[in-house]
């Protein structure tokens, strides 16, 4: 049996890369490592700490006009890992400084998180393990 797979990348379909790319650049504080038109779609990719890639895909035919809804089959949300609750609090503050609405820090037995949404309403979260 092969070894356990590590998380490699997440690819999100967005409605407009000209809106989403600057938004994610500002959020992540980094430039994309790839911007490529493959023909069937264009994608812009960001490298995250730990080797994970975050891709944003835009299709020339557009989307179906629906905004993201985690209640549909498929993706529920994407979570970005924080080392601890103090780092999570720094991200909550950064979201506020950027004018990004968020749910504030929510604590649970399994950890703490801050939920927010991107320009296409895709559910995102910063998450820290329990202390």
C-alpha atoms as a PDB file:
ATOM      1  CA  UNK A   1       0.000   0.000   0.000  1.00  0.00           C
ATOM      2  CA  UNK A   2       1.349   3.478  -0.815  1.00  0.00           C
ATOM      3  CA  UNK A   3       2.127   5.988   1.930  1.00  0.00           C
ATOM      4  CA  UNK A   4      -0.472   8.425   3.186  1.00  0.00           C
ATOM      5  CA  UNK A   5      -0.861  11.303   0.744  1.00  0.00           C
ATOM      6  CA  UNK A   6      -0.021  14.834   1.842  1.00  0.00           C
ATOM      7  CA  UNK A   7      -2.187  17.783   0.883  1.00  0.00           C
ATOM      8  CA  UNK A   8      -0.820  19.177  -2.382  1.00  0.00           C
ATOM      9  CA  UNK A   9      -3.099  21.932  -3.609  1.00  0.00           C
ATOM     10  CA  UNK A  10      -6.571  23.405  -3.627  1.00  0.00           C
ATOM     11  CA  UNK A  11      -8.052  24.868  -6.815  1.00  0.00           C
ATOM     12  CA  UNK A  12     -11.008  27.241  -6.607  1.00  0.00           C
ATOM     13  CA  UNK A  13     -13.139  28.349  -9.541  1.00  0.00           C
ATOM     14  CA  UNK A  14     -13.695  32.102  -9.445  1.00  0.00           C
ATOM     15  CA  UNK A  15     -15.853  34.334 -11.613  1.00  0.00           C
ATOM     16  CA  UNK A  16     -13.252  37.010 -12.376  1.00  0.00           C
ATOM     17  CA  UNK A  17      -9.495  36.661 -11.895  1.00  0.00           C
ATOM     18  CA  UNK A  18      -9.068  40.427 -12.240  1.00  0.00           C
ATOM     19  CA  UNK A  19     -10.997  40.749  -8.964  1.00  0.00           C
ATOM     20  CA  UNK A  20      -9.881  37.584  -7.150  1.00  0.00           C
ATOM     21  CA  UNK A  21      -6.130  37.739  -7.810  1.00  0.00           C
ATOM     22  CA  UNK A  22      -5.587  41.177  -6.184  1.00  0.00           C
ATOM     23  CA  UNK A  23      -7.888  40.166  -3.316  1.00  0.00           C
ATOM     24  CA  UNK A  24      -5.876  36.998  -2.578  1.00  0.00           C
ATOM     25  CA  UNK A  25      -2.566  38.861  -3.109  1.00  0.00           C
ATOM     26  CA  UNK A  26      -3.599  41.338  -0.445  1.00  0.00           C
ATOM     27  CA  UNK A  27      -4.884  38.638   1.898  1.00  0.00           C
ATOM     28  CA  UNK A  28      -1.838  36.374   1.567  1.00  0.00           C
ATOM     29  CA  UNK A  29       0.746  39.141   1.204  1.00  0.00           C
ATOM     30  CA  UNK A  30       2.408  37.379  -1.719  1.00  0.00           C
ATOM     31  CA  UNK A  31       2.582  37.320  -5.485  1.00  0.00           C
ATOM     32  CA  UNK A  32       1.393  34.357  -7.561  1.00  0.00           C
ATOM     33  CA  UNK A  33       4.007  31.807  -8.622  1.00  0.00           C
ATOM     34  CA  UNK A  34       2.148  30.932 -11.834  1.00  0.00           C
ATOM     35  CA  UNK A  35      -0.257  32.678 -14.196  1.00  0.00           C
ATOM     36  CA  UNK A  36      -1.113  30.415 -17.111  1.00  0.00           C
ATOM     37  CA  UNK A  37      -3.781  30.139 -19.775  1.00  0.00           C
ATOM     38  CA  UNK A  38      -4.155  26.422 -20.467  1.00  0.00           C
ATOM     39  CA  UNK A  39      -6.821  26.861 -23.144  1.00  0.00           C
ATOM     40  CA  UNK A  40      -9.703  25.265 -21.276  1.00  0.00           C
ATOM     41  CA  UNK A  41      -9.138  27.681 -18.370  1.00  0.00           C
ATOM     42  CA  UNK A  42      -6.737  30.279 -16.979  1.00  0.00           C
ATOM     43  CA  UNK A  43      -5.250  29.724 -13.560  1.00  0.00           C
ATOM     44  CA  UNK A  44      -3.220  31.757 -11.130  1.00  0.00           C
ATOM     45  CA  UNK A  45      -1.407  29.880  -8.366  1.00  0.00           C
ATOM     46  CA  UNK A  46      -0.094  31.005  -4.981  1.00  0.00           C
ATOM     47  CA  UNK A  47       2.481  29.071  -2.936  1.00  0.00           C
ATOM     48  CA  UNK A  48       1.532  28.750   0.728  1.00  0.00           C
ATOM     49  CA  UNK A  49       3.841  27.843   3.619  1.00  0.00           C
ATOM     50  CA  UNK A  50       4.401  24.109   3.926  1.00  0.00           C
ATOM     51  CA  UNK A  51       4.372  23.528   0.186  1.00  0.00           C
ATOM     52  CA  UNK A  52       0.628  23.692  -0.440  1.00  0.00           C
ATOM     53  CA  UNK A  53      -0.526  25.528  -3.556  1.00  0.00           C
ATOM     54  CA  UNK A  54      -3.715  27.583  -3.859  1.00  0.00           C
ATOM     55  CA  UNK A  55      -4.997  27.860  -7.411  1.00  0.00           C
ATOM     56  CA  UNK A  56      -7.641  30.212  -8.752  1.00  0.00           C
ATOM     57  CA  UNK A  57      -9.302  29.046 -11.981  1.00  0.00           C
ATOM     58  CA  UNK A  58     -11.375  31.099 -14.416  1.00  0.00           C
ATOM     59  CA  UNK A  59     -13.148  29.475 -17.353  1.00  0.00           C
ATOM     60  CA  UNK A  60     -13.677  31.390 -20.622  1.00  0.00           C
ATOM     61  CA  UNK A  61     -17.357  30.405 -20.752  1.00  0.00           C
ATOM     62  CA  UNK A  62     -17.811  31.858 -17.272  1.00  0.00           C
ATOM     63  CA  UNK A  63     -19.654  30.309 -14.392  1.00  0.00           C
ATOM     64  CA  UNK A  64     -23.277  29.267 -14.106  1.00  0.00           C
ATOM     65  CA  UNK A  65     -24.110  32.601 -12.470  1.00  0.00           C
ATOM     66  CA  UNK A  66     -24.506  31.070  -9.016  1.00  0.00           C
ATOM     67  CA  UNK A  67     -22.444  32.208  -6.087  1.00  0.00           C
ATOM     68  CA  UNK A  68     -20.617  29.684  -3.938  1.00  0.00           C
ATOM     69  CA  UNK A  69     -22.821  27.797  -1.477  1.00  0.00           C
ATOM     70  CA  UNK A  70     -21.264  25.319   0.933  1.00  0.00           C
ATOM     71  CA  UNK A  71     -24.629  23.551   1.199  1.00  0.00           C
ATOM     72  CA  UNK A  72     -24.185  22.118  -2.314  1.00  0.00           C
ATOM     73  CA  UNK A  73     -22.326  18.864  -2.818  1.00  0.00           C
ATOM     74  CA  UNK A  74     -18.588  19.549  -3.048  1.00  0.00           C
ATOM     75  CA  UNK A  75     -16.416  22.012  -1.216  1.00  0.00           C
ATOM     76  CA  UNK A  76     -17.536  23.278   2.188  1.00  0.00           C
ATOM     77  CA  UNK A  77     -14.665  25.670   2.927  1.00  0.00           C
ATOM     78  CA  UNK A  78     -10.900  26.125   2.711  1.00  0.00           C
ATOM     79  CA  UNK A  79      -8.997  26.486   5.963  1.00  0.00           C
ATOM     80  CA  UNK A  80      -5.600  28.141   6.397  1.00  0.00           C
ATOM     81  CA  UNK A  81      -3.570  26.803   9.338  1.00  0.00           C
ATOM     82  CA  UNK A  82      -2.359  29.052  12.153  1.00  0.00           C
ATOM     83  CA  UNK A  83       0.278  27.865  14.604  1.00  0.00           C
ATOM     84  CA  UNK A  84      -1.700  29.001  17.647  1.00  0.00           C
ATOM     85  CA  UNK A  85      -4.525  31.230  18.855  1.00  0.00           C
ATOM     86  CA  UNK A  86      -2.236  34.289  19.058  1.00  0.00           C
ATOM     87  CA  UNK A  87      -1.474  33.991  15.327  1.00  0.00           C
ATOM     88  CA  UNK A  88      -5.192  33.498  14.696  1.00  0.00           C
ATOM     89  CA  UNK A  89      -5.892  36.769  16.535  1.00  0.00           C
ATOM     90  CA  UNK A  90      -3.357  38.521  14.280  1.00  0.00           C
ATOM     91  CA  UNK A  91      -5.233  37.227  11.210  1.00  0.00           C
ATOM     92  CA  UNK A  92      -8.557  38.369  12.659  1.00  0.00           C
ATOM     93  CA  UNK A  93      -7.057  41.848  13.100  1.00  0.00           C
ATOM     94  CA  UNK A  94      -5.651  41.803   9.538  1.00  0.00           C
ATOM     95  CA  UNK A  95      -9.064  40.878   8.130  1.00  0.00           C
ATOM     96  CA  UNK A  96     -10.561  43.847   9.975  1.00  0.00           C
ATOM     97  CA  UNK A  97      -7.846  46.170   8.676  1.00  0.00           C
ATOM     98  CA  UNK A  98      -8.600  44.950   5.136  1.00  0.00           C
ATOM     99  CA  UNK A  99     -12.319  45.577   5.617  1.00  0.00           C
ATOM    100  CA  UNK A 100     -13.138  41.880   5.218  1.00  0.00           C
ATOM    101  CA  UNK A 101     -16.221  40.901   7.206  1.00  0.00           C
ATOM    102  CA  UNK A 102     -15.639  37.887   9.421  1.00  0.00           C
ATOM    103  CA  UNK A 103     -17.312  35.973  12.205  1.00  0.00           C
ATOM    104  CA  UNK A 104     -14.722  36.766  14.861  1.00  0.00           C
ATOM    105  CA  UNK A 105     -12.797  34.081  16.696  1.00  0.00           C
ATOM    106  CA  UNK A 106     -14.925  31.075  17.628  1.00  0.00           C
ATOM    107  CA  UNK A 107     -13.464  28.657  20.165  1.00  0.00           C
ATOM    108  CA  UNK A 108     -14.300  24.948  20.341  1.00  0.00           C
ATOM    109  CA  UNK A 109     -12.728  21.906  21.947  1.00  0.00           C
ATOM    110  CA  UNK A 110     -11.015  20.963  18.664  1.00  0.00           C
ATOM    111  CA  UNK A 111      -9.534  24.437  18.056  1.00  0.00           C
ATOM    112  CA  UNK A 112     -10.367  28.038  17.195  1.00  0.00           C
ATOM    113  CA  UNK A 113     -11.277  29.625  13.901  1.00  0.00           C
ATOM    114  CA  UNK A 114     -12.210  32.827  12.094  1.00  0.00           C
ATOM    115  CA  UNK A 115     -14.566  32.428   9.135  1.00  0.00           C
ATOM    116  CA  UNK A 116     -14.819  34.854   6.202  1.00  0.00           C
ATOM    117  CA  UNK A 117     -15.601  34.878   2.467  1.00  0.00           C
ATOM    118  CA  UNK A 118     -13.813  35.819  -0.733  1.00  0.00           C
ATOM    119  CA  UNK A 119     -15.317  37.997  -3.509  1.00  0.00           C
ATOM    120  CA  UNK A 120     -17.194  34.962  -4.934  1.00  0.00           C
ATOM    121  CA  UNK A 121     -18.608  34.097  -1.502  1.00  0.00           C
ATOM    122  CA  UNK A 122     -16.265  31.086  -1.151  1.00  0.00           C
ATOM    123  CA  UNK A 123     -16.089  30.153   2.517  1.00  0.00           C
ATOM    124  CA  UNK A 124     -12.596  30.543   4.000  1.00  0.00           C
ATOM    125  CA  UNK A 125     -11.224  30.154   7.503  1.00  0.00           C
ATOM    126  CA  UNK A 126      -8.108  30.688   9.545  1.00  0.00           C
ATOM    127  CA  UNK A 127      -7.831  27.860  12.088  1.00  0.00           C
ATOM    128  CA  UNK A 128      -5.614  27.200  15.117  1.00  0.00           C
ATOM    129  CA  UNK A 129      -5.379  23.939  17.080  1.00  0.00           C
ATOM    130  CA  UNK A 130      -6.397  23.852  20.727  1.00  0.00           C
ATOM    131  CA  UNK A 131      -3.835  25.142  23.224  1.00  0.00           C
END
